[in-house]
C-alpha atoms as a PDB file:
ATOM      1  CA  MET A   1     -28.757  -4.370  -2.818  1.00  0.00           C
ATOM      2  CA  ASP A   2     -30.213  -7.846  -3.324  1.00  0.00           C
ATOM      3  CA  GLU A   3     -28.232 -11.035  -2.685  1.00  0.00           C
ATOM      4  CA  SER A   4     -27.499 -11.752  -6.334  1.00  0.00           C
ATOM      5  CA  ALA A   5     -26.115  -8.260  -6.876  1.00  0.00           C
ATOM      6  CA  ILE A   6     -23.830  -8.550  -3.858  1.00  0.00           C
ATOM      7  CA  LYS A   7     -22.586 -11.934  -5.059  1.00  0.00           C
ATOM      8  CA  GLY A   8     -21.799 -10.406  -8.430  1.00  0.00           C
ATOM      9  CA  LEU A   9     -19.683  -7.748  -6.723  1.00  0.00           C
ATOM     10  CA  GLU A  10     -17.753 -10.318  -4.721  1.00  0.00           C
ATOM     11  CA  VAL A  11     -16.832 -12.486  -7.704  1.00  0.00           C
ATOM     12  CA  LEU A  12     -14.838 -10.332 -10.122  1.00  0.00           C
ATOM     13  CA  GLU A  13     -14.243 -11.660 -13.596  1.00  0.00           C
ATOM     14  CA  LEU A  14     -12.758  -9.533 -16.345  1.00  0.00           C
ATOM     15  CA  LYS A  15     -14.729 -11.116 -19.155  1.00  0.00           C
ATOM     16  CA  GLY A  16     -14.700  -9.741 -22.660  1.00  0.00           C
ATOM     17  CA  SER A  17     -18.161  -8.233 -22.285  1.00  0.00           C
ATOM     18  CA  ASP A  18     -17.101  -6.392 -19.115  1.00  0.00           C
ATOM     19  CA  ALA A  19     -13.584  -5.260 -19.936  1.00  0.00           C
ATOM     20  CA  GLY A  20     -14.206  -2.053 -21.798  1.00  0.00           C
ATOM     21  CA  ILE A  21     -11.347   0.400 -22.079  1.00  0.00           C
ATOM     22  CA  ARG A  22     -11.545   4.138 -21.450  1.00  0.00           C
ATOM     23  CA  ASN A  23      -8.683   5.624 -23.446  1.00  0.00           C
ATOM     24  CA  SER A  24      -8.059   8.572 -21.152  1.00  0.00           C
ATOM     25  CA  SER A  25      -7.467   6.175 -18.250  1.00  0.00           C
ATOM     26  CA  ILE A  26      -4.977   3.784 -19.870  1.00  0.00           C
ATOM     27  CA  ILE A  27      -1.524   4.035 -18.284  1.00  0.00           C
ATOM     28  CA  THR A  28       1.783   3.402 -20.025  1.00  0.00           C
ATOM     29  CA  ARG A  29       5.151   2.693 -18.435  1.00  0.00           C
ATOM     30  CA  MET A  30       8.454   4.326 -19.370  1.00  0.00           C
ATOM     31  CA  VAL A  31      12.030   4.049 -18.156  1.00  0.00           C
ATOM     32  CA  VAL A  32      14.319   6.962 -17.319  1.00  0.00           C
ATOM     33  CA  LYS A  33      18.000   7.317 -16.443  1.00  0.00           C
ATOM     34  CA  GLY A  34      20.516  10.110 -16.102  1.00  0.00           C
ATOM     35  CA  TYR A  35      19.263  11.567 -12.815  1.00  0.00           C
ATOM     36  CA  ASP A  36      21.510  11.959  -9.780  1.00  0.00           C
ATOM     37  CA  THR A  37      21.746   8.566  -8.038  1.00  0.00           C
ATOM     38  CA  SER A  38      23.120  10.089  -4.822  1.00  0.00           C
ATOM     39  CA  PRO A  39      21.516  13.538  -4.519  1.00  0.00           C
ATOM     40  CA  PRO A  40      22.224  15.800  -1.541  1.00  0.00           C
ATOM     41  CA  THR A  41      19.439  15.995   1.003  1.00  0.00           C
ATOM     42  CA  PRO A  42      17.736  19.412   1.074  1.00  0.00           C
ATOM     43  CA  PRO A  43      17.469  21.366   4.321  1.00  0.00           C
ATOM     44  CA  LYS A  44      14.702  20.149   6.576  1.00  0.00           C
ATOM     45  CA  GLU A  45      12.963  23.516   6.615  1.00  0.00           C
ATOM     46  CA  VAL A  46      12.213  23.401   2.879  1.00  0.00           C
ATOM     47  CA  VAL A  47      10.450  20.030   3.052  1.00  0.00           C
ATOM     48  CA  VAL A  48       6.757  20.185   2.198  1.00  0.00           C
ATOM     49  CA  GLU A  49       6.604  23.738   3.470  1.00  0.00           C
ATOM     50  CA  ALA A  50       2.966  24.209   2.618  1.00  0.00           C
ATOM     51  CA  MET A  51       1.961  21.048   4.497  1.00  0.00           C
ATOM     52  CA  ILE A  52       3.928  22.097   7.564  1.00  0.00           C
ATOM     53  CA  LYS A  53       2.236  25.489   7.598  1.00  0.00           C
ATOM     54  CA  HIS A  54      -1.182  23.922   7.154  1.00  0.00           C
ATOM     55  CA  LEU A  55      -0.892  21.153   9.748  1.00  0.00           C
ATOM     56  CA  GLY A  56       1.706  22.605  12.091  1.00  0.00           C
ATOM     57  CA  TYR A  57       3.660  19.346  12.262  1.00  0.00           C
ATOM     58  CA  ASP A  58       7.348  18.587  12.144  1.00  0.00           C
ATOM     59  CA  THR A  59       8.665  16.390   9.315  1.00  0.00           C
ATOM     60  CA  PHE A  60      11.445  14.000   8.504  1.00  0.00           C
ATOM     61  CA  THR A  61      14.108  15.057   6.043  1.00  0.00           C
ATOM     62  CA  PRO A  62      13.293  13.430   2.669  1.00  0.00           C
ATOM     63  CA  THR A  63      15.341  10.483   1.478  1.00  0.00           C
ATOM     64  CA  PRO A  64      17.421  10.648  -1.737  1.00  0.00           C
ATOM     65  CA  ARG A  65      14.711   8.562  -3.393  1.00  0.00           C
ATOM     66  CA  GLU A  66      12.025  11.084  -2.484  1.00  0.00           C
ATOM     67  CA  VAL A  67      14.229  13.939  -3.695  1.00  0.00           C
ATOM     68  CA  VAL A  68      14.761  12.375  -7.136  1.00  0.00           C
ATOM     69  CA  GLU A  69      11.153  11.262  -7.552  1.00  0.00           C
ATOM     70  CA  GLU A  70       9.940  14.778  -6.800  1.00  0.00           C
ATOM     71  CA  ALA A  71      12.557  16.254  -9.176  1.00  0.00           C
ATOM     72  CA  LEU A  72      11.258  14.002 -11.971  1.00  0.00           C
ATOM     73  CA  ARG A  73       7.662  15.041 -11.277  1.00  0.00           C
ATOM     74  CA  LYS A  74       8.626  18.700 -11.478  1.00  0.00           C
ATOM     75  CA  HIS A  75      10.753  18.194 -14.598  1.00  0.00           C
ATOM     76  CA  PHE A  76       7.897  16.613 -16.547  1.00  0.00           C
ATOM     77  CA  ALA A  77       5.333  19.011 -15.065  1.00  0.00           C
ATOM     78  CA  SER A  78       7.357  21.922 -16.435  1.00  0.00           C
ATOM     79  CA  ARG A  79       6.487  20.531 -19.889  1.00  0.00           C
ATOM     80  CA  GLY A  80       2.832  20.097 -18.972  1.00  0.00           C
ATOM     81  CA  ILE A  81       3.043  16.349 -18.277  1.00  0.00           C
ATOM     82  CA  THR A  82       1.629  14.932 -15.051  1.00  0.00           C
ATOM     83  CA  LEU A  83       3.273  11.721 -13.917  1.00  0.00           C
ATOM     84  CA  ILE A  84       0.788   9.266 -12.446  1.00  0.00           C
ATOM     85  CA  HIS A  85       3.575   7.442 -10.654  1.00  0.00           C
ATOM     86  CA  VAL A  86       7.350   7.637 -10.251  1.00  0.00           C
ATOM     87  CA  ALA A  87       9.439   4.759  -8.921  1.00  0.00           C
ATOM     88  CA  VAL A  88      13.166   5.220  -8.391  1.00  0.00           C
ATOM     89  CA  PRO A  89      14.367   1.988  -6.716  1.00  0.00           C
ATOM     90  CA  GLU A  90      17.155   1.908  -4.167  1.00  0.00           C
ATOM     91  CA  GLU A  91      20.183  -0.327  -4.553  1.00  0.00           C
ATOM     92  CA  ASN A  92      20.925   0.358  -0.890  1.00  0.00           C
ATOM     93  CA  SER A  93      19.994   3.012   1.658  1.00  0.00           C
ATOM     94  CA  HIS A  94      22.323   5.569   0.092  1.00  0.00           C
ATOM     95  CA  ILE A  95      22.549   4.757  -3.622  1.00  0.00           C
ATOM     96  CA  LEU A  96      19.693   4.775  -6.098  1.00  0.00           C
ATOM     97  CA  CYS A  97      19.290   2.450  -9.057  1.00  0.00           C
ATOM     98  CA  SER A  98      20.540   3.958 -12.308  1.00  0.00           C
ATOM     99  CA  HIS A  99      17.138   3.327 -13.923  1.00  0.00           C
ATOM    100  CA  GLY A 100      13.758   4.558 -12.743  1.00  0.00           C
ATOM    101  CA  LEU A 101      10.185   4.031 -13.896  1.00  0.00           C
ATOM    102  CA  ILE A 102       7.605   6.666 -14.723  1.00  0.00           C
ATOM    103  CA  TYR A 103       3.955   6.205 -15.632  1.00  0.00           C
ATOM    104  CA  VAL A 104       1.814   8.519 -17.755  1.00  0.00           C
ATOM    105  CA  ASN A 105      -1.588   8.542 -19.398  1.00  0.00           C
ATOM    106  CA  GLU A 106      -1.343   6.856 -22.772  1.00  0.00           C
ATOM    107  CA  GLU A 107      -2.020  10.058 -24.688  1.00  0.00           C
ATOM    108  CA  CYS A 108       0.929  11.765 -22.937  1.00  0.00           C
ATOM    109  CA  GLU A 109       3.508   9.178 -23.963  1.00  0.00           C
ATOM    110  CA  ALA A 110       4.592  10.930 -27.163  1.00  0.00           C
ATOM    111  CA  GLU A 111       5.130  14.227 -25.335  1.00  0.00           C
ATOM    112  CA  ALA A 112       7.019  12.493 -22.531  1.00  0.00           C
ATOM    113  CA  LEU A 113       9.373  10.889 -25.055  1.00  0.00           C
ATOM    114  CA  LYS A 114      10.296  14.374 -26.283  1.00  0.00           C
ATOM    115  CA  LEU A 115      12.060  14.942 -22.971  1.00  0.00           C
ATOM    116  CA  ASP A 116      14.662  12.359 -23.955  1.00  0.00           C
ATOM    117  CA  GLY A 117      17.910  14.329 -23.932  1.00  0.00           C
ATOM    118  CA  SER A 118      16.538  17.144 -21.771  1.00  0.00           C
ATOM    119  CA  ASP A 119      18.635  18.771 -19.048  1.00  0.00           C
ATOM    120  CA  MET A 120      17.455  18.101 -15.479  1.00  0.00           C
ATOM    121  CA  GLY A 121      19.916  20.658 -14.161  1.00  0.00           C
ATOM    122  CA  GLY A 122      23.512  20.396 -13.125  1.00  0.00           C
ATOM    123  CA  GLY A 123      24.403  19.094 -16.567  1.00  0.00           C
ATOM    124  CA  ARG A 124      22.500  15.859 -16.024  1.00  0.00           C
ATOM    125  CA  ILE A 125      20.892  14.736 -19.272  1.00  0.00           C
ATOM    126  CA  LEU A 126      17.777  12.637 -18.869  1.00  0.00           C
ATOM    127  CA  GLU A 127      17.206   9.579 -21.042  1.00  0.00           C
ATOM    128  CA  VAL A 128      13.565   8.601 -21.596  1.00  0.00           C
ATOM    129  CA  ALA A 129      12.341   5.485 -23.399  1.00  0.00           C
ATOM    130  CA  ALA A 130       9.132   3.480 -23.688  1.00  0.00           C
ATOM    131  CA  TYR A 131       9.063   0.394 -21.454  1.00  0.00           C
ATOM    132  CA  PRO A 132       5.695  -1.363 -21.892  1.00  0.00           C
ATOM    133  CA  PHE A 133       4.352  -3.537 -19.087  1.00  0.00           C
ATOM    134  CA  ALA A 134       4.937  -6.627 -21.232  1.00  0.00           C
ATOM    135  CA  ASP A 135       8.618  -5.751 -21.708  1.00  0.00           C
ATOM    136  CA  ASN A 136      11.050  -7.326 -19.236  1.00  0.00           C
ATOM    137  CA  HIS A 137      14.454  -6.785 -20.817  1.00  0.00           C
ATOM    138  CA  LEU A 138      15.530  -4.629 -17.844  1.00  0.00           C
ATOM    139  CA  ASP A 139      14.579  -7.182 -15.201  1.00  0.00           C
ATOM    140  CA  HIS A 140      18.253  -7.857 -14.510  1.00  0.00           C
ATOM    141  CA  ILE A 141      18.636  -4.221 -13.460  1.00  0.00           C
ATOM    142  CA  PHE A 142      15.532  -4.007 -11.284  1.00  0.00           C
ATOM    143  CA  ALA A 143      15.722  -7.518  -9.785  1.00  0.00           C
ATOM    144  CA  PRO A 144      18.345  -6.652  -7.104  1.00  0.00           C
ATOM    145  CA  THR A 145      16.231  -3.725  -5.899  1.00  0.00           C
ATOM    146  CA  LYS A 146      13.058  -5.802  -5.445  1.00  0.00           C
ATOM    147  CA  ALA A 147      14.529  -7.690  -2.509  1.00  0.00           C
ATOM    148  CA  THR A 148      14.624  -4.465  -0.484  1.00  0.00           C
ATOM    149  CA  GLU A 149      11.439  -2.931  -1.914  1.00  0.00           C
ATOM    150  CA  CYS A 150       9.126  -2.607   1.070  1.00  0.00           C
ATOM    151  CA  LEU A 151       7.774   0.908   0.645  1.00  0.00           C
ATOM    152  CA  GLU A 152       3.991   0.961   0.653  1.00  0.00           C
ATOM    153  CA  ARG A 153       2.359   3.202  -1.910  1.00  0.00           C
ATOM    154  CA  THR A 154      -1.188   4.486  -2.016  1.00  0.00           C
ATOM    155  CA  LEU A 155      -3.166   4.407  -5.253  1.00  0.00           C
ATOM    156  CA  TYR A 156      -5.983   6.902  -5.674  1.00  0.00           C
ATOM    157  CA  VAL A 157      -8.664   5.024  -7.610  1.00  0.00           C
ATOM    158  CA  THR A 158     -11.845   6.495  -9.074  1.00  0.00           C
ATOM    159  CA  GLY A 159     -14.793   5.039 -10.947  1.00  0.00           C
ATOM    160  CA  PHE A 160     -16.795   3.491  -8.144  1.00  0.00           C
ATOM    161  CA  ASP A 161     -20.129   4.950  -7.027  1.00  0.00           C
ATOM    162  CA  THR A 162     -21.481   4.667  -3.486  1.00  0.00           C
ATOM    163  CA  CYS A 163     -24.959   5.344  -4.859  1.00  0.00           C
ATOM    164  CA  LEU A 164     -24.817   2.022  -6.707  1.00  0.00           C
ATOM    165  CA  ALA A 165     -22.847  -0.052  -4.207  1.00  0.00           C
ATOM    166  CA  SER A 166     -22.193   0.160  -0.489  1.00  0.00           C
ATOM    167  CA  LYS A 167     -18.733   0.935   0.850  1.00  0.00           C
ATOM    168  CA  ASP A 168     -18.388  -2.672   2.035  1.00  0.00           C
ATOM    169  CA  ASP A 169     -19.245  -3.962  -1.439  1.00  0.00           C
ATOM    170  CA  ILE A 170     -16.716  -1.597  -3.004  1.00  0.00           C
ATOM    171  CA  LYS A 171     -14.036  -2.858  -0.610  1.00  0.00           C
ATOM    172  CA  LYS A 172     -14.785  -6.423  -1.717  1.00  0.00           C
ATOM    173  CA  MET A 173     -14.470  -5.357  -5.349  1.00  0.00           C
ATOM    174  CA  VAL A 174     -11.158  -3.597  -4.706  1.00  0.00           C
ATOM    175  CA  ARG A 175      -9.655  -6.595  -2.893  1.00  0.00           C
ATOM    176  CA  GLY A 176     -10.704  -8.860  -5.750  1.00  0.00           C
ATOM    177  CA  LEU A 177      -9.523  -6.483  -8.465  1.00  0.00           C
ATOM    178  CA  PHE A 178      -6.115  -5.714  -6.903  1.00  0.00           C
ATOM    179  CA  PRO A 179      -4.612  -8.983  -5.567  1.00  0.00           C
ATOM    180  CA  GLY A 180      -1.688  -7.118  -3.975  1.00  0.00           C
ATOM    181  CA  CYS A 181      -4.002  -4.842  -2.006  1.00  0.00           C
ATOM    182  CA  GLY A 182      -2.894  -4.537   1.605  1.00  0.00           C
ATOM    183  CA  GLY A 183      -5.995  -2.576   2.545  1.00  0.00           C
ATOM    184  CA  CYS A 184      -8.224   0.161   1.233  1.00  0.00           C
ATOM    185  CA  TYR A 185     -10.319   3.086   2.375  1.00  0.00           C
ATOM    186  CA  VAL A 186     -13.492   4.125   0.563  1.00  0.00           C
ATOM    187  CA  ARG A 187     -14.183   7.832   0.640  1.00  0.00           C
ATOM    188  CA  ARG A 188     -17.411   9.680   0.060  1.00  0.00           C
ATOM    189  CA  GLY A 189     -18.490   9.423  -3.549  1.00  0.00           C
ATOM    190  CA  GLY A 190     -16.651   6.150  -4.132  1.00  0.00           C
ATOM    191  CA  PHE A 191     -13.077   7.444  -4.309  1.00  0.00           C
ATOM    192  CA  VAL A 192     -10.816   4.713  -2.974  1.00  0.00           C
ATOM    193  CA  LEU A 193      -7.348   4.786  -1.439  1.00  0.00           C
ATOM    194  CA  VAL A 194      -5.712   1.433  -2.173  1.00  0.00           C
ATOM    195  CA  TYR A 195      -2.576   0.455  -0.248  1.00  0.00           C
ATOM    196  CA  ILE A 196      -0.108  -1.707  -2.173  1.00  0.00           C
ATOM    197  CA  ARG A 197       3.452  -2.773  -1.382  1.00  0.00           C
ATOM    198  CA  GLY A 198       5.991  -3.897  -3.997  1.00  0.00           C
ATOM    199  CA  GLN A 199       6.652  -2.675  -7.517  1.00  0.00           C
ATOM    200  CA  ASP A 200       5.307  -5.800  -9.260  1.00  0.00           C
ATOM    201  CA  ASP A 201       1.941  -5.502  -7.535  1.00  0.00           C
ATOM    202  CA  ILE A 202       1.824  -1.772  -8.258  1.00  0.00           C
ATOM    203  CA  ASP A 203       2.515  -2.466 -11.946  1.00  0.00           C
ATOM    204  CA  ASN A 204      -0.269  -5.054 -12.008  1.00  0.00           C
ATOM    205  CA  ALA A 205      -2.639  -2.524 -10.465  1.00  0.00           C
ATOM    206  CA  LEU A 206      -1.705   0.228 -12.912  1.00  0.00           C
ATOM    207  CA  LYS A 207      -2.341  -2.122 -15.838  1.00  0.00           C
ATOM    208  CA  LEU A 208      -5.989  -2.266 -14.756  1.00  0.00           C
ATOM    209  CA  SER A 209      -6.560   1.454 -15.114  1.00  0.00           C
ATOM    210  CA  GLY A 210      -9.144   1.908 -17.840  1.00  0.00           C
ATOM    211  CA  VAL A 211     -10.960  -1.408 -17.484  1.00  0.00           C
ATOM    212  CA  SER A 212     -14.670  -1.659 -16.789  1.00  0.00           C
ATOM    213  CA  VAL A 213     -15.737  -4.129 -14.119  1.00  0.00           C
ATOM    214  CA  ARG A 214     -19.366  -4.804 -13.217  1.00  0.00           C
ATOM    215  CA  GLY A 215     -20.419  -1.500 -14.708  1.00  0.00           C
ATOM    216  CA  PHE A 216     -17.758   0.547 -12.905  1.00  0.00           C
ATOM    217  CA  LYS A 217     -15.079   2.165 -15.099  1.00  0.00           C
ATOM    218  CA  ILE A 218     -11.941   2.064 -12.989  1.00  0.00           C
ATOM    219  CA  ALA A 219      -9.142   4.611 -13.249  1.00  0.00           C
ATOM    220  CA  VAL A 220      -5.958   4.978 -11.221  1.00  0.00           C
ATOM    221  CA  ASP A 221      -5.684   8.753 -11.087  1.00  0.00           C
ATOM    222  CA  THR A 222      -2.392   8.901  -9.252  1.00  0.00           C
ATOM    223  CA  VAL A 223      -0.031   7.050  -6.945  1.00  0.00           C
ATOM    224  CA  LEU A 224       0.525   9.246  -3.927  1.00  0.00           C
ATOM    225  CA  PRO A 225       4.066   9.798  -2.696  1.00  0.00           C
ATOM    226  CA  ILE A 226       4.632   9.451   1.028  1.00  0.00           C
ATOM    227  CA  GLU A 227       5.437  12.335   3.340  1.00  0.00           C
ATOM    228  CA  ARG A 228       6.288  11.003   6.783  1.00  0.00           C
ATOM    229  CA  VAL A 229       5.108  13.160   9.666  1.00  0.00           C
ATOM    230  CA  ILE A 230       5.708  12.838  13.404  1.00  0.00           C
ATOM    231  CA  VAL A 231       3.073  13.943  15.864  1.00  0.00           C
ATOM    232  CA  GLY A 232       2.595  13.345  19.554  1.00  0.00           C
ATOM    233  CA  THR A 233      -0.757  11.589  19.395  1.00  0.00           C
ATOM    234  CA  PRO A 234      -1.666   8.196  17.899  1.00  0.00           C
ATOM    235  CA  ALA A 235      -3.858   9.449  15.064  1.00  0.00           C
ATOM    236  CA  MET A 236      -4.059   8.769  11.345  1.00  0.00           C
ATOM    237  CA  TYR A 237      -4.554  11.521   8.806  1.00  0.00           C
ATOM    238  CA  LEU A 238      -6.478  10.602   5.678  1.00  0.00           C
ATOM    239  CA  PRO A 239      -5.286  12.740   2.765  1.00  0.00           C
ATOM    240  CA  PRO A 240      -7.672  15.050   0.892  1.00  0.00           C
ATOM    241  CA  LEU A 241      -8.516  14.546  -2.755  1.00  0.00           C
ATOM    242  CA  PRO A 242      -5.290  14.745  -4.824  1.00  0.00           C
ATOM    243  CA  GLN A 243      -4.253  18.253  -5.766  1.00  0.00           C
ATOM    244  CA  GLY A 244      -0.672  17.804  -6.795  1.00  0.00           C
ATOM    245  CA  ASN A 245       0.185  14.170  -6.113  1.00  0.00           C
ATOM    246  CA  GLN A 246       0.914  14.257  -2.412  1.00  0.00           C
ATOM    247  CA  LYS A 247       0.003  12.018   0.491  1.00  0.00           C
ATOM    248  CA  THR A 248       0.693  12.573   4.157  1.00  0.00           C
ATOM    249  CA  ILE A 249       1.055   9.785   6.661  1.00  0.00           C
ATOM    250  CA  ILE A 250       0.948  10.658  10.345  1.00  0.00           C
ATOM    251  CA  THR A 251       2.725   8.363  12.754  1.00  0.00           C
ATOM    252  CA  THR A 252       3.763   8.526  16.384  1.00  0.00           C
ATOM    253  CA  ASP A 253       7.283   9.060  17.575  1.00  0.00           C
END
């Protein structure tokens, strides 16, 4: 690439002529409540069974937060709705916030709202309501949880093309596009794993899904949940392309 093209990639400006919207990539936010805020932890042997069989690693027992987030994914999936992201904040290490956030493609919002009043099991009735990014009337509920929100999430972003820009140029674009980016990894074909910590920064990143920047139409396909894995060697496992919203992180004991 010539110098002027590289400079254009480094300086990102979402001008009117650049910021086209791809409807299928626009993400909307919703709020849910009614789930179990202190769910029992499932037996260790049932945790990510397929991943254990595939990799042969031992796993941690999932936290209550992970249990509820996965239950919400499955509940909506049973109605044919894929959640791009689920965030159930913790009030402390044992109790979950009464309200959680879910994110869907814009065209799925109407179907998701139909699950308002649905039974999640155990007699727990789920409440579902629209909660646009611009709405902040629930800030008083989520504010106490933000002080302890340190869980890093990984966004799976598509729309870049390594045939049109080098991996280094794409990294520069990602860091400029997502201010809260704590790092990123560009995969073959231009798929990018973007690491972001904190719900506000994740929200800001999800708002950008569907915009067009410098000819690249960006889409956040999913936010990968974390499965913590212990192994005996200091290696990092980079997850495959999403096939069911799951990410594995390998750490050392």
